[in-house]
Amino acid sequence: MAYGKDDPRSSLATASRPDSGAPIAAPQYFDFRTLASPDGTSPDERTAIVRGQNVILVHTFARAGDELGNGTLDGELVVLAIGDSPAFSVITDDGATKIDEPGLVVVPPGASKLTVEGDGPLIRLIEATEPDWRDRPANADAYAEDHPRVALLERWPEPPAGPAVRFYRLSEVPKDSGRFGRIFRTRSFMVNFIPEVDGPRDPHKLSPHTHDDFEQLSLAVQGEYVHHIRTPWLPDSTEWRDDDHVRIGSPSVAIIPPPTVHTSAAAGPDRNQLIDIFSPPRTDFSAKPGWVLNADDYPMP
């Protein structure tokens, strides 16, 4: 099987550096409806929390009247508002910012909360080292020790205009066939809103690829996906794994470790959508002119 070195999603381990020989982590898959109760009484009952090496993902089946406390954070918080998300307000010491359409919200360090005005999903991204959150993920034990193949987070430069609540509306992103998705970055995260697709992906046009040293969190927010993941064979054959072909609905997340070969195929008969999440931000995507839509706010190192 061949993998195109010019594929924009790919950073081939064999193409850039020798293999480290460190163990390869297992992929992880989480259906948020099994980790949380969508019909629960309290926001905590309706919230699923999982993590990667550097990022904690918090998915809440929110309801009107909820107050979602974020604690007092050392780093920025990101909120993903998707098509089914309710209107909400971000409350900080500087006041309230209302969010009433899909997009990405950056909340500055410090104390904050979200007040919710309707019913629907809200997704938060938090640095994995935050004391208020680091022990709460359902898969915290999987990261009791750092994964040796994943680069640890070093925050990128501060925004030149200083800390602030920033809202990037998807409605303001023009279509551009030369750009891969709709990509935003912060000091700690990169988020790619991949375009929605109707129906299953053409099985003759998949895109298997691999990454050197970063995890990919593939968040399914609509439809169903099959995540195809192949773990390379290292010299110790007792560590070899069968290929994964895991079908999962939404909302869910697949945590894909390096340097596994992977591709995800939309499988639902109707609308399907993935959002890819990386931490730290990807340098390769950032180097593509025009790909990162808020590059002026968040410069590269």
C-alpha atoms as a PDB file:
ATOM      1  CA  MET A   1       0.000   0.000   0.000  1.00  0.00           C
ATOM      2  CA  ALA A   2       1.376   3.424  -0.917  1.00  0.00           C
ATOM      3  CA  TYR A   3       0.746   6.743   0.781  1.00  0.00           C
ATOM      4  CA  GLY A   4       1.221   9.932  -1.168  1.00  0.00           C
ATOM      5  CA  LYS A   5       3.869  12.161   0.408  1.00  0.00           C
ATOM      6  CA  ASP A   6       2.082  15.202  -0.995  1.00  0.00           C
ATOM      7  CA  ASP A   7      -1.195  14.381   0.769  1.00  0.00           C
ATOM      8  CA  PRO A   8      -1.900  17.497   2.872  1.00  0.00           C
ATOM      9  CA  ARG A   9      -2.996  15.392   5.838  1.00  0.00           C
ATOM     10  CA  SER A  10       0.149  13.319   5.917  1.00  0.00           C
ATOM     11  CA  SER A  11       3.502  13.542   7.609  1.00  0.00           C
ATOM     12  CA  LEU A  12       5.139  10.202   6.923  1.00  0.00           C
ATOM     13  CA  ALA A  13       7.331   8.879   9.695  1.00  0.00           C
ATOM     14  CA  THR A  14       9.514   6.914   7.286  1.00  0.00           C
ATOM     15  CA  ALA A  15       9.972  10.002   5.122  1.00  0.00           C
ATOM     16  CA  SER A  16      11.278  12.337   7.810  1.00  0.00           C
ATOM     17  CA  ARG A  17      13.139  10.438  10.510  1.00  0.00           C
ATOM     18  CA  PRO A  18      13.987   6.925  11.721  1.00  0.00           C
ATOM     19  CA  ASP A  19      11.568   5.096  13.956  1.00  0.00           C
ATOM     20  CA  SER A  20      12.142   5.646  17.689  1.00  0.00           C
ATOM     21  CA  GLY A  21      11.282   2.073  18.629  1.00  0.00           C
ATOM     22  CA  ALA A  22       8.927   3.289  21.404  1.00  0.00           C
ATOM     23  CA  PRO A  23       5.663   1.390  21.923  1.00  0.00           C
ATOM     24  CA  ILE A  24       2.738   2.522  19.775  1.00  0.00           C
ATOM     25  CA  ALA A  25      -0.365   3.445  21.760  1.00  0.00           C
ATOM     26  CA  ALA A  26      -3.680   1.800  20.961  1.00  0.00           C
ATOM     27  CA  PRO A  27      -6.431   3.796  19.240  1.00  0.00           C
ATOM     28  CA  GLN A  28      -9.346   4.809  21.447  1.00  0.00           C
ATOM     29  CA  TYR A  29     -13.024   5.256  20.551  1.00  0.00           C
ATOM     30  CA  PHE A  30     -15.706   6.917  22.654  1.00  0.00           C
ATOM     31  CA  ASP A  31     -19.439   7.169  22.056  1.00  0.00           C
ATOM     32  CA  PHE A  32     -20.575  10.098  24.170  1.00  0.00           C
ATOM     33  CA  ARG A  33     -24.045   8.629  24.634  1.00  0.00           C
ATOM     34  CA  THR A  34     -22.475   5.780  26.592  1.00  0.00           C
ATOM     35  CA  LEU A  35     -20.276   8.065  28.723  1.00  0.00           C
ATOM     36  CA  ALA A  36     -23.042  10.536  29.569  1.00  0.00           C
ATOM     37  CA  SER A  37     -26.825  10.523  29.905  1.00  0.00           C
ATOM     38  CA  PRO A  38     -28.405  12.891  27.357  1.00  0.00           C
ATOM     39  CA  ASP A  39     -31.544  12.934  29.519  1.00  0.00           C
ATOM     40  CA  GLY A  40     -29.750  13.436  32.833  1.00  0.00           C
ATOM     41  CA  THR A  41     -30.975  16.030  35.305  1.00  0.00           C
ATOM     42  CA  SER A  42     -27.715  17.870  35.946  1.00  0.00           C
ATOM     43  CA  PRO A  43     -25.129  19.149  33.452  1.00  0.00           C
ATOM     44  CA  ASP A  44     -22.549  16.815  35.007  1.00  0.00           C
ATOM     45  CA  GLU A  45     -24.736  13.804  34.201  1.00  0.00           C
ATOM     46  CA  ARG A  46     -25.008  15.026  30.607  1.00  0.00           C
ATOM     47  CA  THR A  47     -21.285  15.625  30.164  1.00  0.00           C
ATOM     48  CA  ALA A  48     -18.707  13.213  28.745  1.00  0.00           C
ATOM     49  CA  ILE A  49     -15.014  13.962  29.310  1.00  0.00           C
ATOM     50  CA  VAL A  50     -12.136  12.257  27.470  1.00  0.00           C
ATOM     51  CA  ARG A  51      -8.570  13.261  26.731  1.00  0.00           C
ATOM     52  CA  GLY A  52      -5.589  12.928  24.461  1.00  0.00           C
ATOM     53  CA  GLN A  53      -1.984  13.578  25.420  1.00  0.00           C
ATOM     54  CA  ASN A  54      -2.357  17.369  25.451  1.00  0.00           C
ATOM     55  CA  VAL A  55      -6.076  18.125  25.228  1.00  0.00           C
ATOM     56  CA  ILE A  56      -9.192  17.359  27.250  1.00  0.00           C
ATOM     57  CA  LEU A  57     -12.440  17.208  25.260  1.00  0.00           C
ATOM     58  CA  VAL A  58     -15.642  17.969  27.172  1.00  0.00           C
ATOM     59  CA  HIS A  59     -18.936  17.179  25.420  1.00  0.00           C
ATOM     60  CA  THR A  60     -22.146  18.349  27.085  1.00  0.00           C
ATOM     61  CA  PHE A  61     -25.724  17.625  26.040  1.00  0.00           C
ATOM     62  CA  ALA A  62     -26.669  21.118  27.189  1.00  0.00           C
ATOM     63  CA  ARG A  63     -30.095  22.409  28.150  1.00  0.00           C
ATOM     64  CA  ALA A  64     -31.550  25.866  28.473  1.00  0.00           C
ATOM     65  CA  GLY A  65     -30.663  27.336  31.846  1.00  0.00           C
ATOM     66  CA  ASP A  66     -27.441  25.353  32.314  1.00  0.00           C
ATOM     67  CA  GLU A  67     -24.408  27.090  33.739  1.00  0.00           C
ATOM     68  CA  LEU A  68     -21.261  25.285  32.653  1.00  0.00           C
ATOM     69  CA  GLY A  69     -18.380  26.292  34.873  1.00  0.00           C
ATOM     70  CA  ASN A  70     -14.907  26.173  33.383  1.00  0.00           C
ATOM     71  CA  GLY A  71     -13.022  26.873  36.598  1.00  0.00           C
ATOM     72  CA  THR A  72     -10.061  29.216  36.676  1.00  0.00           C
ATOM     73  CA  LEU A  73      -7.741  28.148  33.879  1.00  0.00           C
ATOM     74  CA  ASP A  74      -4.079  28.840  33.288  1.00  0.00           C
ATOM     75  CA  GLY A  75      -4.501  28.501  29.511  1.00  0.00           C
ATOM     76  CA  GLU A  76      -7.087  29.385  26.907  1.00  0.00           C
ATOM     77  CA  LEU A  77     -10.332  27.439  26.526  1.00  0.00           C
ATOM     78  CA  VAL A  78     -11.928  26.673  23.155  1.00  0.00           C
ATOM     79  CA  VAL A  79     -15.668  26.148  22.614  1.00  0.00           C
ATOM     80  CA  LEU A  80     -16.905  24.481  19.430  1.00  0.00           C
ATOM     81  CA  ALA A  81     -20.387  25.605  18.416  1.00  0.00           C
ATOM     82  CA  ILE A  82     -21.779  23.287  15.743  1.00  0.00           C
ATOM     83  CA  GLY A  83     -24.986  23.292  13.732  1.00  0.00           C
ATOM     84  CA  ASP A  84     -27.112  21.809  16.519  1.00  0.00           C
ATOM     85  CA  SER A  85     -25.560  23.850  19.322  1.00  0.00           C
ATOM     86  CA  PRO A  86     -27.771  26.211  21.300  1.00  0.00           C
ATOM     87  CA  ALA A  87     -27.119  29.900  21.773  1.00  0.00           C
ATOM     88  CA  PHE A  88     -24.984  30.592  24.843  1.00  0.00           C
ATOM     89  CA  SER A  89     -23.003  33.349  26.477  1.00  0.00           C
ATOM     90  CA  VAL A  90     -19.388  33.293  27.585  1.00  0.00           C
ATOM     91  CA  ILE A  91     -19.066  34.985  30.968  1.00  0.00           C
ATOM     92  CA  THR A  92     -15.659  36.308  32.058  1.00  0.00           C
ATOM     93  CA  ASP A  93     -14.524  39.070  34.395  1.00  0.00           C
ATOM     94  CA  ASP A  94     -14.815  41.424  31.412  1.00  0.00           C
ATOM     95  CA  GLY A  95     -18.517  40.695  30.832  1.00  0.00           C
ATOM     96  CA  ALA A  96     -20.689  38.529  28.595  1.00  0.00           C
ATOM     97  CA  THR A  97     -20.260  37.566  24.925  1.00  0.00           C
ATOM     98  CA  LYS A  98     -23.248  35.958  23.221  1.00  0.00           C
ATOM     99  CA  ILE A  99     -22.664  33.173  20.698  1.00  0.00           C
ATOM    100  CA  ASP A 100     -25.646  32.345  18.500  1.00  0.00           C
ATOM    101  CA  GLU A 101     -24.262  30.589  15.405  1.00  0.00           C
ATOM    102  CA  PRO A 102     -21.710  27.895  14.521  1.00  0.00           C
ATOM    103  CA  GLY A 103     -18.052  28.691  14.923  1.00  0.00           C
ATOM    104  CA  LEU A 104     -15.048  28.527  17.201  1.00  0.00           C
ATOM    105  CA  VAL A 105     -14.809  30.531  20.411  1.00  0.00           C
ATOM    106  CA  VAL A 106     -11.570  31.260  22.262  1.00  0.00           C
ATOM    107  CA  VAL A 107     -11.924  32.099  25.963  1.00  0.00           C
ATOM    108  CA  PRO A 108      -8.889  33.742  27.625  1.00  0.00           C
ATOM    109  CA  PRO A 109      -7.182  32.361  30.744  1.00  0.00           C
ATOM    110  CA  GLY A 110      -8.844  32.985  34.077  1.00  0.00           C
ATOM    111  CA  ALA A 111     -12.291  32.300  35.482  1.00  0.00           C
ATOM    112  CA  SER A 112     -15.167  31.755  33.055  1.00  0.00           C
ATOM    113  CA  LYS A 113     -18.457  29.978  32.549  1.00  0.00           C
ATOM    114  CA  LEU A 114     -21.046  29.368  29.832  1.00  0.00           C
ATOM    115  CA  THR A 115     -24.723  30.188  30.304  1.00  0.00           C
ATOM    116  CA  VAL A 116     -26.932  28.221  27.943  1.00  0.00           C
ATOM    117  CA  GLU A 117     -30.103  29.481  26.252  1.00  0.00           C
ATOM    118  CA  GLY A 118     -31.329  26.351  24.463  1.00  0.00           C
ATOM    119  CA  ASP A 119     -30.884  22.606  24.065  1.00  0.00           C
ATOM    120  CA  GLY A 120     -28.065  20.984  22.117  1.00  0.00           C
ATOM    121  CA  PRO A 121     -24.409  19.951  22.156  1.00  0.00           C
ATOM    122  CA  LEU A 122     -21.532  22.129  23.317  1.00  0.00           C
ATOM    123  CA  ILE A 123     -17.903  21.000  23.058  1.00  0.00           C
ATOM    124  CA  ARG A 124     -15.047  22.452  25.076  1.00  0.00           C
ATOM    125  CA  LEU A 125     -11.290  21.938  24.623  1.00  0.00           C
ATOM    126  CA  ILE A 126      -9.028  22.388  27.648  1.00  0.00           C
ATOM    127  CA  GLU A 127      -5.309  21.865  28.118  1.00  0.00           C
ATOM    128  CA  ALA A 128      -4.703  18.459  29.691  1.00  0.00           C
ATOM    129  CA  THR A 129      -2.504  19.873  32.462  1.00  0.00           C
ATOM    130  CA  GLU A 130      -5.229  22.091  33.961  1.00  0.00           C
ATOM    131  CA  PRO A 131      -5.522  21.045  37.659  1.00  0.00           C
ATOM    132  CA  ASP A 132      -9.332  21.381  37.763  1.00  0.00           C
ATOM    133  CA  TRP A 133      -9.738  18.984  34.823  1.00  0.00           C
ATOM    134  CA  ARG A 134      -6.793  16.621  34.432  1.00  0.00           C
ATOM    135  CA  ASP A 135      -8.208  13.825  36.617  1.00  0.00           C
ATOM    136  CA  ARG A 136     -11.763  13.955  35.255  1.00  0.00           C
ATOM    137  CA  PRO A 137     -11.508  12.229  31.829  1.00  0.00           C
ATOM    138  CA  ALA A 138     -12.975   8.742  31.517  1.00  0.00           C
ATOM    139  CA  ASN A 139      -9.687   7.572  29.981  1.00  0.00           C
ATOM    140  CA  ALA A 140      -7.330   9.362  32.386  1.00  0.00           C
ATOM    141  CA  ASP A 141      -5.584   6.064  33.176  1.00  0.00           C
ATOM    142  CA  ALA A 142      -4.498   5.766  29.529  1.00  0.00           C
ATOM    143  CA  TYR A 143      -2.283   8.823  30.119  1.00  0.00           C
ATOM    144  CA  ALA A 144      -0.952   7.978  33.560  1.00  0.00           C
ATOM    145  CA  GLU A 145       2.399   8.253  31.789  1.00  0.00           C
ATOM    146  CA  ASP A 146       3.088  10.452  28.787  1.00  0.00           C
ATOM    147  CA  HIS A 147       2.968   8.622  25.467  1.00  0.00           C
ATOM    148  CA  PRO A 148       6.560   8.654  24.213  1.00  0.00           C
ATOM    149  CA  ARG A 149       5.625   9.120  20.560  1.00  0.00           C
ATOM    150  CA  VAL A 150       3.481  12.230  21.119  1.00  0.00           C
ATOM    151  CA  ALA A 151       5.165  15.624  21.372  1.00  0.00           C
ATOM    152  CA  LEU A 152       4.199  17.447  24.555  1.00  0.00           C
ATOM    153  CA  LEU A 153       2.417  20.772  24.284  1.00  0.00           C
ATOM    154  CA  GLU A 154       4.474  23.929  24.234  1.00  0.00           C
ATOM    155  CA  ARG A 155       2.161  26.887  23.819  1.00  0.00           C
ATOM    156  CA  TRP A 156       2.582  28.957  20.687  1.00  0.00           C
ATOM    157  CA  PRO A 157       3.083  32.756  20.971  1.00  0.00           C
ATOM    158  CA  GLU A 158       0.511  34.943  22.657  1.00  0.00           C
ATOM    159  CA  PRO A 159      -1.913  36.821  20.387  1.00  0.00           C
ATOM    160  CA  PRO A 160      -0.445  40.268  19.594  1.00  0.00           C
ATOM    161  CA  ALA A 161      -3.697  41.976  20.606  1.00  0.00           C
ATOM    162  CA  GLY A 162      -3.654  40.295  24.003  1.00  0.00           C
ATOM    163  CA  PRO A 163      -6.108  37.930  25.731  1.00  0.00           C
ATOM    164  CA  ALA A 164      -9.773  38.291  24.771  1.00  0.00           C
ATOM    165  CA  VAL A 165     -12.899  36.346  23.934  1.00  0.00           C
ATOM    166  CA  ARG A 166     -12.671  35.731  20.186  1.00  0.00           C
ATOM    167  CA  PHE A 167     -15.468  34.302  18.038  1.00  0.00           C
ATOM    168  CA  TYR A 168     -14.768  32.986  14.542  1.00  0.00           C
ATOM    169  CA  ARG A 169     -18.015  32.466  12.653  1.00  0.00           C
ATOM    170  CA  LEU A 170     -18.148  29.667  10.114  1.00  0.00           C
ATOM    171  CA  SER A 171     -20.659  31.728   8.142  1.00  0.00           C
ATOM    172  CA  GLU A 172     -17.872  34.208   7.377  1.00  0.00           C
ATOM    173  CA  VAL A 173     -15.564  31.593   5.835  1.00  0.00           C
ATOM    174  CA  PRO A 174     -15.831  31.662   2.022  1.00  0.00           C
ATOM    175  CA  LYS A 175     -15.637  28.435   0.066  1.00  0.00           C
ATOM    176  CA  ASP A 176     -12.182  27.765  -1.346  1.00  0.00           C
ATOM    177  CA  SER A 177     -11.379  24.540  -3.185  1.00  0.00           C
ATOM    178  CA  GLY A 178      -7.673  25.162  -2.629  1.00  0.00           C
ATOM    179  CA  ARG A 179      -7.962  25.086   1.147  1.00  0.00           C
ATOM    180  CA  PHE A 180      -8.296  21.889   3.187  1.00  0.00           C
ATOM    181  CA  GLY A 181     -11.321  22.431   5.437  1.00  0.00           C
ATOM    182  CA  ARG A 182     -11.813  25.410   7.747  1.00  0.00           C
ATOM    183  CA  ILE A 183      -8.838  25.591  10.076  1.00  0.00           C
ATOM    184  CA  PHE A 184      -8.393  27.726  13.179  1.00  0.00           C
ATOM    185  CA  ARG A 185      -5.615  27.679  15.729  1.00  0.00           C
ATOM    186  CA  THR A 186      -4.954  28.995  19.217  1.00  0.00           C
ATOM    187  CA  ARG A 187      -1.854  28.884  21.368  1.00  0.00           C
ATOM    188  CA  SER A 188      -2.547  25.230  22.183  1.00  0.00           C
ATOM    189  CA  PHE A 189      -4.988  23.760  19.674  1.00  0.00           C
ATOM    190  CA  MET A 190      -5.739  23.461  15.987  1.00  0.00           C
ATOM    191  CA  VAL A 191      -9.299  22.686  14.891  1.00  0.00           C
ATOM    192  CA  ASN A 192     -10.340  21.753  11.358  1.00  0.00           C
ATOM    193  CA  PHE A 193     -14.064  21.875  10.569  1.00  0.00           C
ATOM    194  CA  ILE A 194     -14.149  19.388   7.688  1.00  0.00           C
ATOM    195  CA  PRO A 195     -16.983  20.029   5.214  1.00  0.00           C
ATOM    196  CA  GLU A 196     -20.210  18.122   5.673  1.00  0.00           C
ATOM    197  CA  VAL A 197     -20.833  15.288   3.214  1.00  0.00           C
ATOM    198  CA  ASP A 198     -24.059  13.596   2.193  1.00  0.00           C
ATOM    199  CA  GLY A 199     -24.029   9.821   2.206  1.00  0.00           C
ATOM    200  CA  PRO A 200     -21.153   7.340   2.419  1.00  0.00           C
ATOM    201  CA  ARG A 201     -17.647   8.120   1.202  1.00  0.00           C
ATOM    202  CA  ASP A 202     -16.537   6.526  -2.074  1.00  0.00           C
ATOM    203  CA  PRO A 203     -14.558   3.438  -0.971  1.00  0.00           C
ATOM    204  CA  HIS A 204     -12.293   3.871  -4.001  1.00  0.00           C
ATOM    205  CA  LYS A 205     -11.186   7.336  -2.845  1.00  0.00           C
ATOM    206  CA  LEU A 206      -9.947   6.994   0.719  1.00  0.00           C
ATOM    207  CA  SER A 207      -6.822   8.740   2.008  1.00  0.00           C
ATOM    208  CA  PRO A 208      -4.740   6.539   4.341  1.00  0.00           C
ATOM    209  CA  HIS A 209      -1.867   8.488   5.889  1.00  0.00           C
ATOM    210  CA  THR A 210       0.181   8.747   9.049  1.00  0.00           C
ATOM    211  CA  HIS A 211       1.687  11.373  11.369  1.00  0.00           C
ATOM    212  CA  ASP A 212       5.116  11.550  12.957  1.00  0.00           C
ATOM    213  CA  ASP A 213       4.507  12.747  16.478  1.00  0.00           C
ATOM    214  CA  PHE A 214       1.012  14.075  17.087  1.00  0.00           C
ATOM    215  CA  GLU A 215      -2.338  12.558  17.930  1.00  0.00           C
ATOM    216  CA  GLN A 216      -5.455  13.276  15.934  1.00  0.00           C
ATOM    217  CA  LEU A 217      -8.835  13.511  17.625  1.00  0.00           C
ATOM    218  CA  SER A 218     -11.537  12.922  15.019  1.00  0.00           C
ATOM    219  CA  LEU A 219     -14.813  14.194  16.458  1.00  0.00           C
ATOM    220  CA  ALA A 220     -17.946  12.959  14.685  1.00  0.00           C
ATOM    221  CA  VAL A 221     -20.747  15.491  15.133  1.00  0.00           C
ATOM    222  CA  GLN A 222     -23.151  14.218  12.470  1.00  0.00           C
ATOM    223  CA  GLY A 223     -23.818  10.828  10.915  1.00  0.00           C
ATOM    224  CA  GLU A 224     -21.638   7.731  11.158  1.00  0.00           C
ATOM    225  CA  TYR A 225     -18.022   6.948  10.352  1.00  0.00           C
ATOM    226  CA  VAL A 226     -15.797   3.935   9.945  1.00  0.00           C
ATOM    227  CA  HIS A 227     -12.322   4.601  11.307  1.00  0.00           C
ATOM    228  CA  HIS A 228      -9.734   2.419   9.545  1.00  0.00           C
ATOM    229  CA  ILE A 229      -6.516   2.250  11.572  1.00  0.00           C
ATOM    230  CA  ARG A 230      -3.437   0.099  10.965  1.00  0.00           C
ATOM    231  CA  THR A 231      -0.663  -0.187  13.559  1.00  0.00           C
ATOM    232  CA  PRO A 232       2.803  -0.606  11.984  1.00  0.00           C
ATOM    233  CA  TRP A 233       4.700  -3.747  12.869  1.00  0.00           C
ATOM    234  CA  LEU A 234       7.670  -3.184  15.172  1.00  0.00           C
ATOM    235  CA  PRO A 235      10.294  -5.881  15.854  1.00  0.00           C
ATOM    236  CA  ASP A 236       8.386  -7.279  18.871  1.00  0.00           C
ATOM    237  CA  SER A 237       5.694  -9.372  17.229  1.00  0.00           C
ATOM    238  CA  THR A 238       3.835  -9.826  20.530  1.00  0.00           C
ATOM    239  CA  GLU A 239       2.843  -6.146  20.244  1.00  0.00           C
ATOM    240  CA  TRP A 240       1.382  -6.462  16.732  1.00  0.00           C
ATOM    241  CA  ARG A 241      -2.315  -5.568  16.378  1.00  0.00           C
ATOM    242  CA  ASP A 242      -5.003  -6.440  13.897  1.00  0.00           C
ATOM    243  CA  ASP A 243      -6.300  -3.590  11.761  1.00  0.00           C
ATOM    244  CA  ASP A 244      -9.222  -1.602  13.185  1.00  0.00           C
ATOM    245  CA  HIS A 245     -12.352  -0.978  11.124  1.00  0.00           C
ATOM    246  CA  VAL A 246     -14.523   0.614  13.800  1.00  0.00           C
ATOM    247  CA  ARG A 247     -17.952   1.951  12.895  1.00  0.00           C
ATOM    248  CA  ILE A 248     -19.304   4.548  15.295  1.00  0.00           C
ATOM    249  CA  GLY A 249     -22.104   7.089  15.250  1.00  0.00           C
ATOM    250  CA  SER A 250     -22.260  10.630  16.547  1.00  0.00           C
ATOM    251  CA  PRO A 251     -21.456  12.269  18.815  1.00  0.00           C
ATOM    252  CA  SER A 252     -18.225  10.362  19.252  1.00  0.00           C
ATOM    253  CA  VAL A 253     -14.473  10.728  19.036  1.00  0.00           C
ATOM    254  CA  ALA A 254     -11.649   8.547  17.777  1.00  0.00           C
ATOM    255  CA  ILE A 255      -8.219   9.220  19.296  1.00  0.00           C
ATOM    256  CA  ILE A 256      -5.659   8.211  16.684  1.00  0.00           C
ATOM    257  CA  PRO A 257      -2.057   7.762  17.900  1.00  0.00           C
ATOM    258  CA  PRO A 258       1.093   8.217  15.854  1.00  0.00           C
ATOM    259  CA  PRO A 259       2.396   6.651  13.703  1.00  0.00           C
ATOM    260  CA  THR A 260      -0.655   4.545  12.876  1.00  0.00           C
ATOM    261  CA  VAL A 261      -1.919   4.564   9.304  1.00  0.00           C
ATOM    262  CA  HIS A 262      -5.466   5.876   9.319  1.00  0.00           C
ATOM    263  CA  THR A 263      -8.368   7.130   7.292  1.00  0.00           C
ATOM    264  CA  SER A 264     -11.997   7.771   8.193  1.00  0.00           C
ATOM    265  CA  ALA A 265     -14.896   7.087   5.866  1.00  0.00           C
ATOM    266  CA  ALA A 266     -18.320   8.671   6.189  1.00  0.00           C
ATOM    267  CA  ALA A 267     -20.783   5.792   6.428  1.00  0.00           C
ATOM    268  CA  GLY A 268     -24.167   7.299   7.313  1.00  0.00           C
ATOM    269  CA  PRO A 269     -26.864   7.538   4.623  1.00  0.00           C
ATOM    270  CA  ASP A 270     -27.550  11.219   5.355  1.00  0.00           C
ATOM    271  CA  ARG A 271     -25.380  14.142   6.507  1.00  0.00           C
ATOM    272  CA  ASN A 272     -21.956  13.294   7.975  1.00  0.00           C
ATOM    273  CA  GLN A 273     -19.377  15.628   9.505  1.00  0.00           C
ATOM    274  CA  LEU A 274     -16.030  15.310  11.268  1.00  0.00           C
ATOM    275  CA  ILE A 275     -14.023  17.905  13.167  1.00  0.00           C
ATOM    276  CA  ASP A 276     -10.313  17.141  13.541  1.00  0.00           C
ATOM    277  CA  ILE A 277      -8.487  18.402  16.634  1.00  0.00           C
ATOM    278  CA  PHE A 278      -4.723  18.619  17.186  1.00  0.00           C
ATOM    279  CA  SER A 279      -2.581  19.796  20.095  1.00  0.00           C
ATOM    280  CA  PRO A 280      -0.167  21.488  19.709  1.00  0.00           C
ATOM    281  CA  PRO A 281      -1.136  23.241  16.449  1.00  0.00           C
ATOM    282  CA  ARG A 282       0.225  21.643  13.291  1.00  0.00           C
ATOM    283  CA  THR A 283       3.213  23.399  11.752  1.00  0.00           C
ATOM    284  CA  ASP A 284       2.643  21.790   8.337  1.00  0.00           C
ATOM    285  CA  PHE A 285      -0.926  23.088   8.018  1.00  0.00           C
ATOM    286  CA  SER A 286       0.162  26.444   9.405  1.00  0.00           C
ATOM    287  CA  ALA A 287       2.801  26.779   6.697  1.00  0.00           C
ATOM    288  CA  LYS A 288       0.178  26.542   3.927  1.00  0.00           C
ATOM    289  CA  PRO A 289      -0.692  30.093   2.794  1.00  0.00           C
ATOM    290  CA  GLY A 290      -4.293  30.926   3.609  1.00  0.00           C
ATOM    291  CA  TRP A 291      -5.137  27.664   5.326  1.00  0.00           C
ATOM    292  CA  VAL A 292      -5.292  28.929   8.923  1.00  0.00           C
ATOM    293  CA  LEU A 293      -8.141  31.417   8.961  1.00  0.00           C
ATOM    294  CA  ASN A 294      -7.145  33.287  12.123  1.00  0.00           C
ATOM    295  CA  ALA A 295      -3.386  33.254  11.573  1.00  0.00           C
ATOM    296  CA  ASP A 296      -3.125  37.008  12.171  1.00  0.00           C
ATOM    297  CA  ASP A 297      -4.499  36.600  15.687  1.00  0.00           C
ATOM    298  CA  TYR A 298      -2.295  33.616  16.547  1.00  0.00           C
ATOM    299  CA  PRO A 299       1.205  33.820  15.059  1.00  0.00           C
ATOM    300  CA  MET A 300       3.527  30.858  14.555  1.00  0.00           C
ATOM    301  CA  PRO A 301       6.584  30.428  16.785  1.00  0.00           C
END
